[in-house]
C-alpha atoms as a PDB file:
ATOM      1  CA  UNK A   1     -77.022  -9.158 -36.231  1.00  0.00           C
ATOM      2  CA  UNK A   2     -78.673  -6.348 -37.945  1.00  0.00           C
ATOM      3  CA  UNK A   3     -77.881  -5.502 -41.656  1.00  0.00           C
ATOM      4  CA  UNK A   4     -75.552  -2.621 -42.235  1.00  0.00           C
ATOM      5  CA  UNK A   5     -78.758  -1.012 -43.621  1.00  0.00           C
ATOM      6  CA  UNK A   6     -80.854  -1.437 -40.708  1.00  0.00           C
ATOM      7  CA  UNK A   7     -78.088  -0.474 -38.571  1.00  0.00           C
ATOM      8  CA  UNK A   8     -78.012   3.200 -40.348  1.00  0.00           C
ATOM      9  CA  UNK A   9     -81.452   3.645 -40.071  1.00  0.00           C
ATOM     10  CA  UNK A  10     -81.633   2.595 -36.401  1.00  0.00           C
ATOM     11  CA  UNK A  11     -78.680   4.764 -35.357  1.00  0.00           C
ATOM     12  CA  UNK A  12     -80.343   8.152 -37.095  1.00  0.00           C
ATOM     13  CA  UNK A  13     -83.534   6.765 -35.256  1.00  0.00           C
ATOM     14  CA  UNK A  14     -81.981   6.771 -32.084  1.00  0.00           C
ATOM     15  CA  UNK A  15     -80.633  10.282 -32.614  1.00  0.00           C
ATOM     16  CA  UNK A  16     -83.771  11.226 -33.561  1.00  0.00           C
ATOM     17  CA  UNK A  17     -83.193  12.712 -37.125  1.00  0.00           C
ATOM     18  CA  UNK A  18     -83.924  11.586 -40.558  1.00  0.00           C
ATOM     19  CA  UNK A  19     -81.062   9.266 -42.402  1.00  0.00           C
ATOM     20  CA  UNK A  20     -79.758  10.875 -45.749  1.00  0.00           C
ATOM     21  CA  UNK A  21     -79.106   9.063 -48.637  1.00  0.00           C
ATOM     22  CA  UNK A  22     -77.533  10.970 -51.430  1.00  0.00           C
ATOM     23  CA  UNK A  23     -77.581   9.327 -55.023  1.00  0.00           C
ATOM     24  CA  UNK A  24     -74.658   9.539 -57.318  1.00  0.00           C
ATOM     25  CA  UNK A  25     -74.102   7.980 -60.629  1.00  0.00           C
ATOM     26  CA  UNK A  26     -71.039   5.843 -60.902  1.00  0.00           C
ATOM     27  CA  UNK A  27     -68.618   6.452 -63.794  1.00  0.00           C
ATOM     28  CA  UNK A  28     -69.585  10.068 -64.255  1.00  0.00           C
ATOM     29  CA  UNK A  29     -67.159  11.561 -65.443  1.00  0.00           C
ATOM     30  CA  UNK A  30     -65.017   8.751 -64.590  1.00  0.00           C
ATOM     31  CA  UNK A  31     -64.791   6.246 -61.360  1.00  0.00           C
ATOM     32  CA  UNK A  32     -61.783   7.820 -59.927  1.00  0.00           C
ATOM     33  CA  UNK A  33     -64.055  10.808 -59.306  1.00  0.00           C
ATOM     34  CA  UNK A  34     -66.806   8.824 -58.275  1.00  0.00           C
ATOM     35  CA  UNK A  35     -64.585   7.455 -55.637  1.00  0.00           C
ATOM     36  CA  UNK A  36     -63.640  10.932 -54.720  1.00  0.00           C
ATOM     37  CA  UNK A  37     -67.486  11.930 -54.175  1.00  0.00           C
ATOM     38  CA  UNK A  38     -68.507   8.982 -52.194  1.00  0.00           C
ATOM     39  CA  UNK A  39     -65.745   9.990 -49.562  1.00  0.00           C
ATOM     40  CA  UNK A  40     -66.869  13.438 -49.602  1.00  0.00           C
ATOM     41  CA  UNK A  41     -70.493  12.524 -49.070  1.00  0.00           C
ATOM     42  CA  UNK A  42     -69.239  10.396 -46.249  1.00  0.00           C
ATOM     43  CA  UNK A  43     -67.463  12.873 -44.575  1.00  0.00           C
ATOM     44  CA  UNK A  44     -70.336  15.373 -45.097  1.00  0.00           C
ATOM     45  CA  UNK A  45     -72.573  13.100 -42.934  1.00  0.00           C
ATOM     46  CA  UNK A  46     -74.346  11.034 -45.303  1.00  0.00           C
ATOM     47  CA  UNK A  47     -76.063   7.879 -43.641  1.00  0.00           C
ATOM     48  CA  UNK A  48     -76.249   5.622 -46.909  1.00  0.00           C
ATOM     49  CA  UNK A  49     -75.183   6.417 -50.374  1.00  0.00           C
ATOM     50  CA  UNK A  50     -77.164   4.861 -53.508  1.00  0.00           C
ATOM     51  CA  UNK A  51     -75.035   4.260 -56.372  1.00  0.00           C
ATOM     52  CA  UNK A  52     -76.496   3.979 -59.583  1.00  0.00           C
ATOM     53  CA  UNK A  53     -75.190   1.709 -62.338  1.00  0.00           C
ATOM     54  CA  UNK A  54     -75.539   3.405 -65.820  1.00  0.00           C
ATOM     55  CA  UNK A  55     -77.928   2.073 -67.957  1.00  0.00           C
ATOM     56  CA  UNK A  56     -79.091   2.924 -71.476  1.00  0.00           C
ATOM     57  CA  UNK A  57     -82.841   2.803 -70.769  1.00  0.00           C
ATOM     58  CA  UNK A  58     -83.412   3.462 -67.216  1.00  0.00           C
ATOM     59  CA  UNK A  59     -87.177   2.878 -66.023  1.00  0.00           C
ATOM     60  CA  UNK A  60     -87.613   5.475 -63.453  1.00  0.00           C
ATOM     61  CA  UNK A  61     -85.108   7.996 -63.837  1.00  0.00           C
ATOM     62  CA  UNK A  62     -85.576  11.597 -65.125  1.00  0.00           C
ATOM     63  CA  UNK A  63     -83.465  13.903 -67.371  1.00  0.00           C
ATOM     64  CA  UNK A  64     -80.929  14.832 -64.896  1.00  0.00           C
ATOM     65  CA  UNK A  65     -79.803  11.320 -64.149  1.00  0.00           C
ATOM     66  CA  UNK A  66     -80.415   9.845 -67.554  1.00  0.00           C
ATOM     67  CA  UNK A  67     -78.239  12.277 -68.949  1.00  0.00           C
ATOM     68  CA  UNK A  68     -75.540  11.559 -66.105  1.00  0.00           C
ATOM     69  CA  UNK A  69     -75.785   8.136 -67.385  1.00  0.00           C
ATOM     70  CA  UNK A  70     -75.401   8.908 -70.696  1.00  0.00           C
ATOM     71  CA  UNK A  71     -72.332  10.642 -70.058  1.00  0.00           C
ATOM     72  CA  UNK A  72     -70.796   7.650 -67.861  1.00  0.00           C
ATOM     73  CA  UNK A  73     -71.626   5.157 -70.942  1.00  0.00           C
ATOM     74  CA  UNK A  74     -70.313   7.954 -73.820  1.00  0.00           C
ATOM     75  CA  UNK A  75     -66.840   7.865 -71.647  1.00  0.00           C
ATOM     76  CA  UNK A  76     -66.793   4.003 -71.746  1.00  0.00           C
ATOM     77  CA  UNK A  77     -68.150   3.010 -68.368  1.00  0.00           C
ATOM     78  CA  UNK A  78     -68.210  -0.916 -67.929  1.00  0.00           C
ATOM     79  CA  UNK A  79     -69.773  -3.054 -65.082  1.00  0.00           C
ATOM     80  CA  UNK A  80     -66.346  -4.550 -64.559  1.00  0.00           C
ATOM     81  CA  UNK A  81     -64.862  -0.519 -63.864  1.00  0.00           C
ATOM     82  CA  UNK A  82     -67.951  -0.669 -61.236  1.00  0.00           C
ATOM     83  CA  UNK A  83     -66.806  -3.461 -59.480  1.00  0.00           C
ATOM     84  CA  UNK A  84     -63.193  -2.310 -59.417  1.00  0.00           C
ATOM     85  CA  UNK A  85     -63.875   1.088 -58.215  1.00  0.00           C
ATOM     86  CA  UNK A  86     -65.663  -0.438 -54.893  1.00  0.00           C
ATOM     87  CA  UNK A  87     -62.744  -2.921 -54.564  1.00  0.00           C
ATOM     88  CA  UNK A  88     -60.459  -0.065 -54.358  1.00  0.00           C
ATOM     89  CA  UNK A  89     -62.327   1.785 -51.926  1.00  0.00           C
ATOM     90  CA  UNK A  90     -62.805   1.130 -48.128  1.00  0.00           C
ATOM     91  CA  UNK A  91     -65.895   0.509 -48.120  1.00  0.00           C
ATOM     92  CA  UNK A  92     -65.797  -0.199 -44.423  1.00  0.00           C
ATOM     93  CA  UNK A  93     -64.985   3.781 -43.834  1.00  0.00           C
ATOM     94  CA  UNK A  94     -67.942   4.822 -46.074  1.00  0.00           C
ATOM     95  CA  UNK A  95     -72.200   4.479 -45.312  1.00  0.00           C
ATOM     96  CA  UNK A  96     -73.600   1.433 -46.826  1.00  0.00           C
ATOM     97  CA  UNK A  97     -73.480   1.585 -50.312  1.00  0.00           C
ATOM     98  CA  UNK A  98     -76.518   0.732 -51.871  1.00  0.00           C
ATOM     99  CA  UNK A  99     -76.485  -0.176 -55.609  1.00  0.00           C
ATOM    100  CA  UNK A 100     -79.225   0.906 -58.028  1.00  0.00           C
ATOM    101  CA  UNK A 101     -79.378  -1.695 -61.250  1.00  0.00           C
ATOM    102  CA  UNK A 102     -81.331  -2.437 -63.552  1.00  0.00           C
ATOM    103  CA  UNK A 103     -83.081  -6.240 -63.924  1.00  0.00           C
ATOM    104  CA  UNK A 104     -81.266  -6.734 -67.251  1.00  0.00           C
ATOM    105  CA  UNK A 105     -78.096  -6.028 -65.643  1.00  0.00           C
ATOM    106  CA  UNK A 106     -78.513  -8.631 -62.617  1.00  0.00           C
ATOM    107  CA  UNK A 107     -80.298 -11.184 -65.284  1.00  0.00           C
ATOM    108  CA  UNK A 108     -77.151 -11.064 -67.545  1.00  0.00           C
ATOM    109  CA  UNK A 109     -74.857 -12.320 -64.593  1.00  0.00           C
ATOM    110  CA  UNK A 110     -77.394 -14.230 -62.971  1.00  0.00           C
ATOM    111  CA  UNK A 111     -79.222 -13.423 -59.928  1.00  0.00           C
ATOM    112  CA  UNK A 112     -77.075 -15.511 -57.310  1.00  0.00           C
ATOM    113  CA  UNK A 113     -73.499 -14.609 -59.124  1.00  0.00           C
ATOM    114  CA  UNK A 114     -74.716 -10.654 -59.280  1.00  0.00           C
ATOM    115  CA  UNK A 115     -75.708 -10.528 -55.771  1.00  0.00           C
ATOM    116  CA  UNK A 116     -72.563 -12.608 -54.461  1.00  0.00           C
ATOM    117  CA  UNK A 117     -70.183 -10.231 -56.510  1.00  0.00           C
ATOM    118  CA  UNK A 118     -72.053  -7.133 -55.238  1.00  0.00           C
ATOM    119  CA  UNK A 119     -71.351  -8.209 -51.338  1.00  0.00           C
ATOM    120  CA  UNK A 120     -67.978  -9.342 -52.357  1.00  0.00           C
ATOM    121  CA  UNK A 121     -67.331  -5.641 -53.648  1.00  0.00           C
ATOM    122  CA  UNK A 122     -68.975  -4.202 -50.483  1.00  0.00           C
ATOM    123  CA  UNK A 123     -72.620  -3.669 -51.309  1.00  0.00           C
ATOM    124  CA  UNK A 124     -74.817  -3.414 -48.368  1.00  0.00           C
ATOM    125  CA  UNK A 125     -77.769  -3.603 -50.608  1.00  0.00           C
ATOM    126  CA  UNK A 126     -79.674  -3.717 -53.827  1.00  0.00           C
ATOM    127  CA  UNK A 127     -82.446  -1.654 -55.690  1.00  0.00           C
ATOM    128  CA  UNK A 128     -83.828  -3.094 -58.841  1.00  0.00           C
ATOM    129  CA  UNK A 129     -86.522  -1.169 -59.940  1.00  0.00           C
ATOM    130  CA  UNK A 130     -87.619  -3.026 -63.328  1.00  0.00           C
ATOM    131  CA  UNK A 131     -87.574  -6.377 -61.784  1.00  0.00           C
ATOM    132  CA  UNK A 132     -90.787  -8.077 -62.264  1.00  0.00           C
ATOM    133  CA  UNK A 133     -93.347  -9.363 -60.008  1.00  0.00           C
ATOM    134  CA  UNK A 134     -93.015 -12.671 -60.299  1.00  0.00           C
ATOM    135  CA  UNK A 135     -89.196 -12.653 -60.011  1.00  0.00           C
ATOM    136  CA  UNK A 136     -88.741 -10.112 -57.187  1.00  0.00           C
ATOM    137  CA  UNK A 137     -89.051 -13.447 -54.577  1.00  0.00           C
ATOM    138  CA  UNK A 138     -86.243 -15.429 -56.299  1.00  0.00           C
ATOM    139  CA  UNK A 139     -84.214 -12.056 -56.454  1.00  0.00           C
ATOM    140  CA  UNK A 140     -84.727 -11.277 -52.737  1.00  0.00           C
ATOM    141  CA  UNK A 141     -84.034 -14.882 -51.706  1.00  0.00           C
ATOM    142  CA  UNK A 142     -80.661 -14.266 -53.468  1.00  0.00           C
ATOM    143  CA  UNK A 143     -79.963 -11.105 -51.945  1.00  0.00           C
ATOM    144  CA  UNK A 144     -80.436 -12.605 -48.903  1.00  0.00           C
ATOM    145  CA  UNK A 145     -78.582 -15.508 -49.106  1.00  0.00           C
ATOM    146  CA  UNK A 146     -75.707 -13.178 -50.455  1.00  0.00           C
ATOM    147  CA  UNK A 147     -76.211 -11.073 -47.098  1.00  0.00           C
ATOM    148  CA  UNK A 148     -77.765  -8.287 -49.297  1.00  0.00           C
ATOM    149  CA  UNK A 149     -80.612  -6.224 -48.627  1.00  0.00           C
ATOM    150  CA  UNK A 150     -83.357  -5.908 -51.390  1.00  0.00           C
ATOM    151  CA  UNK A 151     -84.944  -2.413 -51.194  1.00  0.00           C
ATOM    152  CA  UNK A 152     -88.153  -2.084 -52.878  1.00  0.00           C
ATOM    153  CA  UNK A 153     -90.004   1.103 -54.609  1.00  0.00           C
ATOM    154  CA  UNK A 154     -93.761   1.731 -53.712  1.00  0.00           C
ATOM    155  CA  UNK A 155     -95.483   4.556 -55.377  1.00  0.00           C
ATOM    156  CA  UNK A 156     -98.893   6.365 -54.145  1.00  0.00           C
ATOM    157  CA  UNK A 157    -100.603   4.637 -57.062  1.00  0.00           C
ATOM    158  CA  UNK A 158     -99.636   0.937 -56.176  1.00  0.00           C
ATOM    159  CA  UNK A 159    -102.544  -1.322 -55.768  1.00  0.00           C
ATOM    160  CA  UNK A 160    -102.901  -2.402 -51.988  1.00  0.00           C
ATOM    161  CA  UNK A 161    -102.499  -6.299 -53.213  1.00  0.00           C
ATOM    162  CA  UNK A 162     -99.524  -5.343 -54.764  1.00  0.00           C
ATOM    163  CA  UNK A 163     -97.955  -3.414 -51.723  1.00  0.00           C
ATOM    164  CA  UNK A 164     -98.496  -6.527 -49.500  1.00  0.00           C
ATOM    165  CA  UNK A 165     -96.259  -8.584 -52.111  1.00  0.00           C
ATOM    166  CA  UNK A 166     -93.826  -5.675 -52.450  1.00  0.00           C
ATOM    167  CA  UNK A 167     -93.082  -5.428 -48.859  1.00  0.00           C
ATOM    168  CA  UNK A 168     -92.962  -9.358 -48.322  1.00  0.00           C
ATOM    169  CA  UNK A 169     -89.588  -9.375 -50.709  1.00  0.00           C
ATOM    170  CA  UNK A 170     -88.382  -6.194 -49.503  1.00  0.00           C
ATOM    171  CA  UNK A 171     -85.589  -5.761 -46.682  1.00  0.00           C
ATOM    172  CA  UNK A 172     -83.546  -3.121 -45.355  1.00  0.00           C
ATOM    173  CA  UNK A 173     -86.032   0.122 -46.053  1.00  0.00           C
ATOM    174  CA  UNK A 174     -88.865   0.558 -48.422  1.00  0.00           C
ATOM    175  CA  UNK A 175     -87.615   3.004 -51.111  1.00  0.00           C
ATOM    176  CA  UNK A 176     -91.303   5.150 -50.999  1.00  0.00           C
ATOM    177  CA  UNK A 177     -91.704   7.335 -54.181  1.00  0.00           C
ATOM    178  CA  UNK A 178     -93.250  10.628 -53.396  1.00  0.00           C
ATOM    179  CA  UNK A 179     -95.142  10.938 -56.735  1.00  0.00           C
ATOM    180  CA  UNK A 180     -95.892   8.187 -59.540  1.00  0.00           C
ATOM    181  CA  UNK A 181     -93.275   8.959 -62.197  1.00  0.00           C
ATOM    182  CA  UNK A 182     -89.326   9.499 -62.563  1.00  0.00           C
ATOM    183  CA  UNK A 183     -87.082  11.563 -60.534  1.00  0.00           C
ATOM    184  CA  UNK A 184     -86.613  15.041 -60.620  1.00  0.00           C
ATOM    185  CA  UNK A 185     -86.234  18.169 -58.898  1.00  0.00           C
ATOM    186  CA  UNK A 186     -89.669  19.909 -57.629  1.00  0.00           C
ATOM    187  CA  UNK A 187     -91.128  22.773 -56.017  1.00  0.00           C
ATOM    188  CA  UNK A 188     -92.950  20.897 -53.195  1.00  0.00           C
ATOM    189  CA  UNK A 189     -93.900  17.621 -52.299  1.00  0.00           C
ATOM    190  CA  UNK A 190     -97.215  16.554 -52.541  1.00  0.00           C
ATOM    191  CA  UNK A 191     -99.819  17.060 -50.030  1.00  0.00           C
ATOM    192  CA  UNK A 192    -101.086  13.561 -49.872  1.00  0.00           C
ATOM    193  CA  UNK A 193     -97.392  11.962 -49.447  1.00  0.00           C
ATOM    194  CA  UNK A 194     -98.203  12.084 -45.789  1.00  0.00           C
ATOM    195  CA  UNK A 195    -101.284  10.325 -46.044  1.00  0.00           C
ATOM    196  CA  UNK A 196     -99.282   7.401 -48.120  1.00  0.00           C
ATOM    197  CA  UNK A 197     -96.992   7.369 -45.429  1.00  0.00           C
ATOM    198  CA  UNK A 198     -98.980   6.925 -42.726  1.00  0.00           C
ATOM    199  CA  UNK A 199    -100.919   3.847 -44.602  1.00  0.00           C
ATOM    200  CA  UNK A 200     -97.190   2.001 -45.166  1.00  0.00           C
ATOM    201  CA  UNK A 201     -96.263   2.419 -41.524  1.00  0.00           C
ATOM    202  CA  UNK A 202     -99.339   0.562 -40.257  1.00  0.00           C
ATOM    203  CA  UNK A 203     -98.081  -2.283 -42.912  1.00  0.00           C
ATOM    204  CA  UNK A 204     -94.342  -2.511 -42.132  1.00  0.00           C
ATOM    205  CA  UNK A 205     -92.068  -2.131 -39.789  1.00  0.00           C
ATOM    206  CA  UNK A 206     -89.212  -1.637 -41.958  1.00  0.00           C
ATOM    207  CA  UNK A 207     -87.587   2.138 -42.427  1.00  0.00           C
ATOM    208  CA  UNK A 208     -89.586   4.269 -44.907  1.00  0.00           C
ATOM    209  CA  UNK A 209     -87.351   6.517 -46.858  1.00  0.00           C
ATOM    210  CA  UNK A 210     -88.501   9.028 -49.414  1.00  0.00           C
ATOM    211  CA  UNK A 211     -86.965   9.842 -52.904  1.00  0.00           C
ATOM    212  CA  UNK A 212     -88.255  11.110 -56.233  1.00  0.00           C
ATOM    213  CA  UNK A 213     -87.944  15.157 -56.096  1.00  0.00           C
ATOM    214  CA  UNK A 214     -86.689  15.574 -52.667  1.00  0.00           C
ATOM    215  CA  UNK A 215     -84.248  18.590 -53.385  1.00  0.00           C
ATOM    216  CA  UNK A 216     -84.245  20.911 -50.472  1.00  0.00           C
ATOM    217  CA  UNK A 217     -83.946  21.300 -46.699  1.00  0.00           C
ATOM    218  CA  UNK A 218     -87.542  22.213 -46.765  1.00  0.00           C
ATOM    219  CA  UNK A 219     -88.623  18.935 -48.134  1.00  0.00           C
ATOM    220  CA  UNK A 220     -86.801  16.879 -45.418  1.00  0.00           C
ATOM    221  CA  UNK A 221     -88.196  18.810 -42.739  1.00  0.00           C
ATOM    222  CA  UNK A 222     -91.486  18.376 -43.968  1.00  0.00           C
ATOM    223  CA  UNK A 223     -90.954  14.454 -43.750  1.00  0.00           C
ATOM    224  CA  UNK A 224     -89.702  14.273 -40.191  1.00  0.00           C
ATOM    225  CA  UNK A 225     -92.576  12.521 -38.178  1.00  0.00           C
ATOM    226  CA  UNK A 226     -93.668  10.238 -41.286  1.00  0.00           C
ATOM    227  CA  UNK A 227     -90.627   9.110 -42.942  1.00  0.00           C
ATOM    228  CA  UNK A 228     -87.211   7.476 -41.375  1.00  0.00           C
ATOM    229  CA  UNK A 229     -84.993   8.734 -44.169  1.00  0.00           C
ATOM    230  CA  UNK A 230     -84.367  10.949 -47.327  1.00  0.00           C
ATOM    231  CA  UNK A 231     -83.245  10.332 -50.836  1.00  0.00           C
ATOM    232  CA  UNK A 232     -81.738  12.974 -52.747  1.00  0.00           C
ATOM    233  CA  UNK A 233     -80.878  12.265 -56.591  1.00  0.00           C
ATOM    234  CA  UNK A 234     -81.522  14.635 -59.564  1.00  0.00           C
ATOM    235  CA  UNK A 235     -80.606  18.117 -57.163  1.00  0.00           C
ATOM    236  CA  UNK A 236     -76.978  16.384 -56.110  1.00  0.00           C
ATOM    237  CA  UNK A 237     -76.356  14.822 -59.940  1.00  0.00           C
ATOM    238  CA  UNK A 238     -76.851  18.459 -61.144  1.00  0.00           C
ATOM    239  CA  UNK A 239     -74.365  19.882 -58.833  1.00  0.00           C
ATOM    240  CA  UNK A 240     -72.128  17.189 -60.127  1.00  0.00           C
ATOM    241  CA  UNK A 241     -72.468  18.152 -64.112  1.00  0.00           C
ATOM    242  CA  UNK A 242     -70.303  20.899 -63.332  1.00  0.00           C
ATOM    243  CA  UNK A 243     -67.348  19.210 -63.216  1.00  0.00           C
ATOM    244  CA  UNK A 244     -67.280  19.761 -66.900  1.00  0.00           C
ATOM    245  CA  UNK A 245     -66.159  23.411 -66.595  1.00  0.00           C
ATOM    246  CA  UNK A 246     -65.672  24.190 -62.962  1.00  0.00           C
ATOM    247  CA  UNK A 247     -62.377  22.757 -61.097  1.00  0.00           C
ATOM    248  CA  UNK A 248     -63.067  19.843 -59.189  1.00  0.00           C
ATOM    249  CA  UNK A 249     -62.015  21.012 -55.882  1.00  0.00           C
ATOM    250  CA  UNK A 250     -64.599  23.817 -56.023  1.00  0.00           C
ATOM    251  CA  UNK A 251     -67.665  21.292 -57.428  1.00  0.00           C
ATOM    252  CA  UNK A 252     -66.758  18.884 -54.136  1.00  0.00           C
ATOM    253  CA  UNK A 253     -67.181  21.823 -51.989  1.00  0.00           C
ATOM    254  CA  UNK A 254     -70.445  22.512 -53.590  1.00  0.00           C
ATOM    255  CA  UNK A 255     -71.528  18.822 -52.653  1.00  0.00           C
ATOM    256  CA  UNK A 256     -70.265  18.871 -49.652  1.00  0.00           C
ATOM    257  CA  UNK A 257     -72.101  22.033 -48.400  1.00  0.00           C
ATOM    258  CA  UNK A 258     -75.383  20.814 -49.902  1.00  0.00           C
ATOM    259  CA  UNK A 259     -75.080  17.419 -47.855  1.00  0.00           C
ATOM    260  CA  UNK A 260     -74.583  19.349 -44.692  1.00  0.00           C
ATOM    261  CA  UNK A 261     -77.571  21.717 -45.183  1.00  0.00           C
ATOM    262  CA  UNK A 262     -79.549  18.518 -46.061  1.00  0.00           C
ATOM    263  CA  UNK A 263     -78.337  16.203 -43.132  1.00  0.00           C
ATOM    264  CA  UNK A 264     -79.035  19.563 -40.752  1.00  0.00           C
ATOM    265  CA  UNK A 265     -82.621  19.655 -42.337  1.00  0.00           C
ATOM    266  CA  UNK A 266     -83.178  16.125 -40.944  1.00  0.00           C
ATOM    267  CA  UNK A 267     -82.129  17.246 -37.452  1.00  0.00           C
ATOM    268  CA  UNK A 268     -84.016  20.325 -37.100  1.00  0.00           C
END
C-alpha cells in the first residue's frame, strides 16, 4: 500500500498537474492559528503541507522563515505543543503533513521514539535537512519502521556520489533545491534548474518537488514537465506575518487566494 505522500503525488500526476506543497511554521503566532491555517490550505487545494518545527538555529531557512521561528519561540513554543496541536486536528481530513525538523530535536528524543511519536500524532513524513550523512540511513530505518517517509534534500551542487547516497536513504519524494543556499523569494528560477532536475529524473523514480525560491505562479508553470511538485515557503509565511496587524479572516483569505492561484498554475 503506498504511503500518503506517494499517493498524493500519484493523484496529482494522474490529473496531469504539479502537486502543490505550502510551508507553515508551527506556532506562529500560536498553535490554534496554525491549525486554522492548515485547514485553510487544505480547503484551497494543497496536496501536501510542510510543517516546520521552530528551531533557534535553522540551517537552511532564509530571513522570512527564521523570523517566523523566532516569533514562535518568543511566544513560548514547545515541542509538546506541536504534538498536542496535531492530535487535536483531524489530520485524516488534511493533506499529508510533512514535518520539517532539526536533527538536534530528533536526537534529543531518539530516532525511534521521535518517529513513533510523529506517526502517532498524524505526520506522514519527515524532512531533517541537517542530519549528518553517516546517520541518515539510521534515521531512514527508524522512519520506515514507524511508517513515515524520510524526505531528503539535494541541491544543484551536491556531488554525484553524495546524490546516490541521499537517494538510497530517501522516500516519499526528493526535495530538490532550486539553488544552493537558503530559502527565500526570488524573481526567477535558475536557468540551470531544469538540467539538474532532468539528471535526477534519470537516477530515481521518486517524485521530484522543487523548493527554495518558488514564489510565483510563473515559477510553478516553469516546473511543469521537469518536476512533480512545487514547494512554497517564504512567500506564504510572509503573508502570515500580517496577522500581527490585520484581521485574521482577511489574512486567511489572502492565504487561501494565493494557494488557489499557485494550485491553478500547476494545472495550466
